Amino acid sequence: MIVAFSVSPSGERPAEAGHAPSGVAPDSVHEAVAAAVRIVRESGLPNRTSSMFTEIEGEWDEVMDVVKRATEAVGRYGTRVSLVLKADIRPGHSGEIDGKIERLERAISEQAR
């Protein structure tokens, strides 16, 4: 399965998270997102991050465990967490995080001919 998810804190930043660094807007979420992405990358599962979502591929339990831990990490940066999740559940298939993109690029090239 492939899961695309976005996780972000909201609410007041807890004191234990510290103040936003100088020059960083207090409502910036990049530190919290970095904590989530670090967990995803350390999982060893195939993944990629864009400006809006992080995608991760693996079996249901391992992917959901990573999403849960990433969400918990973001929770330290606010009093609430927003999680948006989209899943492509296709039993018996793996390598689709890259395979889908490769097929798309091939189709675009073929249409351009």
C-alpha atoms as a PDB file:
ATOM      1  CA  MET A   1       0.000   0.000   0.000  1.00  0.00           C
ATOM      2  CA  ILE A   2       0.988   3.597  -0.533  1.00  0.00           C
ATOM      3  CA  VAL A   3      -0.101   6.252   1.922  1.00  0.00           C
ATOM      4  CA  ALA A   4       0.148   9.955   1.211  1.00  0.00           C
ATOM      5  CA  PHE A   5      -0.226  11.975   4.362  1.00  0.00           C
ATOM      6  CA  SER A   6       0.132  15.470   5.691  1.00  0.00           C
ATOM      7  CA  VAL A   7       0.395  16.174   9.390  1.00  0.00           C
ATOM      8  CA  SER A   8       0.518  19.573  11.027  1.00  0.00           C
ATOM      9  CA  PRO A   9       0.209  20.978  14.544  1.00  0.00           C
ATOM     10  CA  SER A  10      -2.181  23.707  15.548  1.00  0.00           C
ATOM     11  CA  GLY A  11      -2.985  25.495  18.737  1.00  0.00           C
ATOM     12  CA  GLU A  12      -0.537  27.050  21.125  1.00  0.00           C
ATOM     13  CA  ARG A  13       3.019  25.763  21.044  1.00  0.00           C
ATOM     14  CA  PRO A  14       3.675  23.937  24.337  1.00  0.00           C
ATOM     15  CA  ALA A  15       6.403  25.402  26.566  1.00  0.00           C
ATOM     16  CA  GLU A  16       8.455  22.198  26.367  1.00  0.00           C
ATOM     17  CA  ALA A  17       8.706  22.649  22.577  1.00  0.00           C
ATOM     18  CA  GLY A  18      10.478  25.947  23.184  1.00  0.00           C
ATOM     19  CA  HIS A  19      10.015  29.237  21.402  1.00  0.00           C
ATOM     20  CA  ALA A  20      10.280  29.544  17.654  1.00  0.00           C
ATOM     21  CA  PRO A  21      13.849  30.375  16.609  1.00  0.00           C
ATOM     22  CA  SER A  22      14.688  33.981  15.810  1.00  0.00           C
ATOM     23  CA  GLY A  23      13.522  34.945  12.334  1.00  0.00           C
ATOM     24  CA  VAL A  24      10.949  32.122  12.183  1.00  0.00           C
ATOM     25  CA  ALA A  25       7.265  32.976  12.332  1.00  0.00           C
ATOM     26  CA  PRO A  26       5.722  31.590  15.519  1.00  0.00           C
ATOM     27  CA  ASP A  27       3.026  29.872  13.447  1.00  0.00           C
ATOM     28  CA  SER A  28       5.560  28.142  11.165  1.00  0.00           C
ATOM     29  CA  VAL A  29       5.214  24.368  11.179  1.00  0.00           C
ATOM     30  CA  HIS A  30       8.447  23.349   9.444  1.00  0.00           C
ATOM     31  CA  GLU A  31      10.098  22.114  12.650  1.00  0.00           C
ATOM     32  CA  ALA A  32       7.132  19.878  13.428  1.00  0.00           C
ATOM     33  CA  VAL A  33       6.973  18.599   9.859  1.00  0.00           C
ATOM     34  CA  ALA A  34      10.722  17.921   9.958  1.00  0.00           C
ATOM     35  CA  ALA A  35      10.209  15.756  13.049  1.00  0.00           C
ATOM     36  CA  ALA A  36       7.554  13.744  11.201  1.00  0.00           C
ATOM     37  CA  VAL A  37       9.609  13.373   8.030  1.00  0.00           C
ATOM     38  CA  ARG A  38      12.635  12.234  10.044  1.00  0.00           C
ATOM     39  CA  ILE A  39      10.549   9.373  11.483  1.00  0.00           C
ATOM     40  CA  VAL A  40       9.381   8.408   7.997  1.00  0.00           C
ATOM     41  CA  ARG A  41      12.909   8.440   6.575  1.00  0.00           C
ATOM     42  CA  GLU A  42      14.319   6.471   9.507  1.00  0.00           C
ATOM     43  CA  SER A  43      11.646   3.788   9.008  1.00  0.00           C
ATOM     44  CA  GLY A  44      13.546   2.363   6.051  1.00  0.00           C
ATOM     45  CA  LEU A  45      10.345   2.144   3.999  1.00  0.00           C
ATOM     46  CA  PRO A  46      10.278   3.642   0.490  1.00  0.00           C
ATOM     47  CA  ASN A  47       9.154   7.255   0.802  1.00  0.00           C
ATOM     48  CA  ARG A  48       9.232  10.701  -0.747  1.00  0.00           C
ATOM     49  CA  THR A  49       8.291  14.128   0.525  1.00  0.00           C
ATOM     50  CA  SER A  50       6.913  17.037  -1.476  1.00  0.00           C
ATOM     51  CA  SER A  51       5.839  20.503  -0.385  1.00  0.00           C
ATOM     52  CA  MET A  52       2.387  19.228   0.597  1.00  0.00           C
ATOM     53  CA  PHE A  53       2.543  15.485   1.384  1.00  0.00           C
ATOM     54  CA  THR A  54       4.792  12.644   2.406  1.00  0.00           C
ATOM     55  CA  GLU A  55       4.274   9.307   0.677  1.00  0.00           C
ATOM     56  CA  ILE A  56       5.305   5.997   2.219  1.00  0.00           C
ATOM     57  CA  GLU A  57       4.973   2.460   0.881  1.00  0.00           C
ATOM     58  CA  GLY A  58       4.788  -0.844   2.730  1.00  0.00           C
ATOM     59  CA  GLU A  59       2.421  -3.261   4.404  1.00  0.00           C
ATOM     60  CA  TRP A  60      -0.603  -1.896   6.296  1.00  0.00           C
ATOM     61  CA  ASP A  61       0.723  -2.390   9.843  1.00  0.00           C
ATOM     62  CA  GLU A  62       4.199  -1.023   9.170  1.00  0.00           C
ATOM     63  CA  VAL A  63       2.936   2.035   7.265  1.00  0.00           C
ATOM     64  CA  MET A  64       0.284   2.862   9.858  1.00  0.00           C
ATOM     65  CA  ASP A  65       2.832   2.494  12.652  1.00  0.00           C
ATOM     66  CA  VAL A  66       5.073   5.062  10.966  1.00  0.00           C
ATOM     67  CA  VAL A  67       2.126   7.435  10.389  1.00  0.00           C
ATOM     68  CA  LYS A  68       1.137   7.081  14.049  1.00  0.00           C
ATOM     69  CA  ARG A  69       4.664   7.811  15.290  1.00  0.00           C
ATOM     70  CA  ALA A  70       5.011  10.790  12.922  1.00  0.00           C
ATOM     71  CA  THR A  71       1.680  12.156  14.147  1.00  0.00           C
ATOM     72  CA  GLU A  72       2.735  11.756  17.777  1.00  0.00           C
ATOM     73  CA  ALA A  73       5.992  13.604  17.054  1.00  0.00           C
ATOM     74  CA  VAL A  74       4.062  16.538  15.570  1.00  0.00           C
ATOM     75  CA  GLY A  75       1.770  16.554  18.605  1.00  0.00           C
ATOM     76  CA  ARG A  76       4.641  17.910  20.693  1.00  0.00           C
ATOM     77  CA  TYR A  77       4.447  21.176  18.711  1.00  0.00           C
ATOM     78  CA  GLY A  78       0.836  22.115  19.409  1.00  0.00           C
ATOM     79  CA  THR A  79      -2.282  21.321  21.349  1.00  0.00           C
ATOM     80  CA  ARG A  80      -3.952  19.722  18.303  1.00  0.00           C
ATOM     81  CA  VAL A  81      -2.829  17.778  15.261  1.00  0.00           C
ATOM     82  CA  SER A  82      -4.401  17.754  11.818  1.00  0.00           C
ATOM     83  CA  LEU A  83      -3.821  14.580   9.797  1.00  0.00           C
ATOM     84  CA  VAL A  84      -4.842  14.175   6.152  1.00  0.00           C
ATOM     85  CA  LEU A  85      -4.337  10.678   4.800  1.00  0.00           C
ATOM     86  CA  LYS A  86      -4.986   9.060   1.426  1.00  0.00           C
ATOM     87  CA  ALA A  87      -4.237   5.387   0.811  1.00  0.00           C
ATOM     88  CA  ASP A  88      -3.842   3.256  -2.304  1.00  0.00           C
ATOM     89  CA  ILE A  89      -4.412  -0.294  -1.089  1.00  0.00           C
ATOM     90  CA  ARG A  90      -3.427  -2.769  -3.781  1.00  0.00           C
ATOM     91  CA  PRO A  91      -2.600  -6.212  -2.359  1.00  0.00           C
ATOM     92  CA  GLY A  92       0.161  -8.112  -4.109  1.00  0.00           C
ATOM     93  CA  HIS A  93       1.874  -5.011  -5.505  1.00  0.00           C
ATOM     94  CA  SER A  94       5.054  -3.362  -4.303  1.00  0.00           C
ATOM     95  CA  GLY A  95       7.422  -0.815  -5.797  1.00  0.00           C
ATOM     96  CA  GLU A  96       4.463   1.285  -6.846  1.00  0.00           C
ATOM     97  CA  ILE A  97       5.735   4.488  -5.218  1.00  0.00           C
ATOM     98  CA  ASP A  98       8.146   4.662  -8.168  1.00  0.00           C
ATOM     99  CA  GLY A  99       6.280   2.426 -10.612  1.00  0.00           C
ATOM    100  CA  LYS A 100       3.284   4.752 -10.857  1.00  0.00           C
ATOM    101  CA  ILE A 101       5.514   7.725 -11.675  1.00  0.00           C
ATOM    102  CA  GLU A 102       7.486   5.740 -14.252  1.00  0.00           C
ATOM    103  CA  ARG A 103       4.268   4.675 -16.029  1.00  0.00           C
ATOM    104  CA  LEU A 104       2.970   8.254 -15.961  1.00  0.00           C
ATOM    105  CA  GLU A 105       6.191   9.664 -17.434  1.00  0.00           C
ATOM    106  CA  ARG A 106       6.181   6.974 -20.129  1.00  0.00           C
ATOM    107  CA  ALA A 107       2.569   7.824 -21.050  1.00  0.00           C
ATOM    108  CA  ILE A 108       3.406  11.539 -21.248  1.00  0.00           C
ATOM    109  CA  SER A 109       6.372  10.795 -23.536  1.00  0.00           C
ATOM    110  CA  GLU A 110       4.248   8.581 -25.770  1.00  0.00           C
ATOM    111  CA  GLN A 111       1.524  11.232 -26.056  1.00  0.00           C
ATOM    112  CA  ALA A 112       4.089  13.840 -27.042  1.00  0.00           C
ATOM    113  CA  ARG A 113       5.121  11.832 -30.119  1.00  0.00           C
END
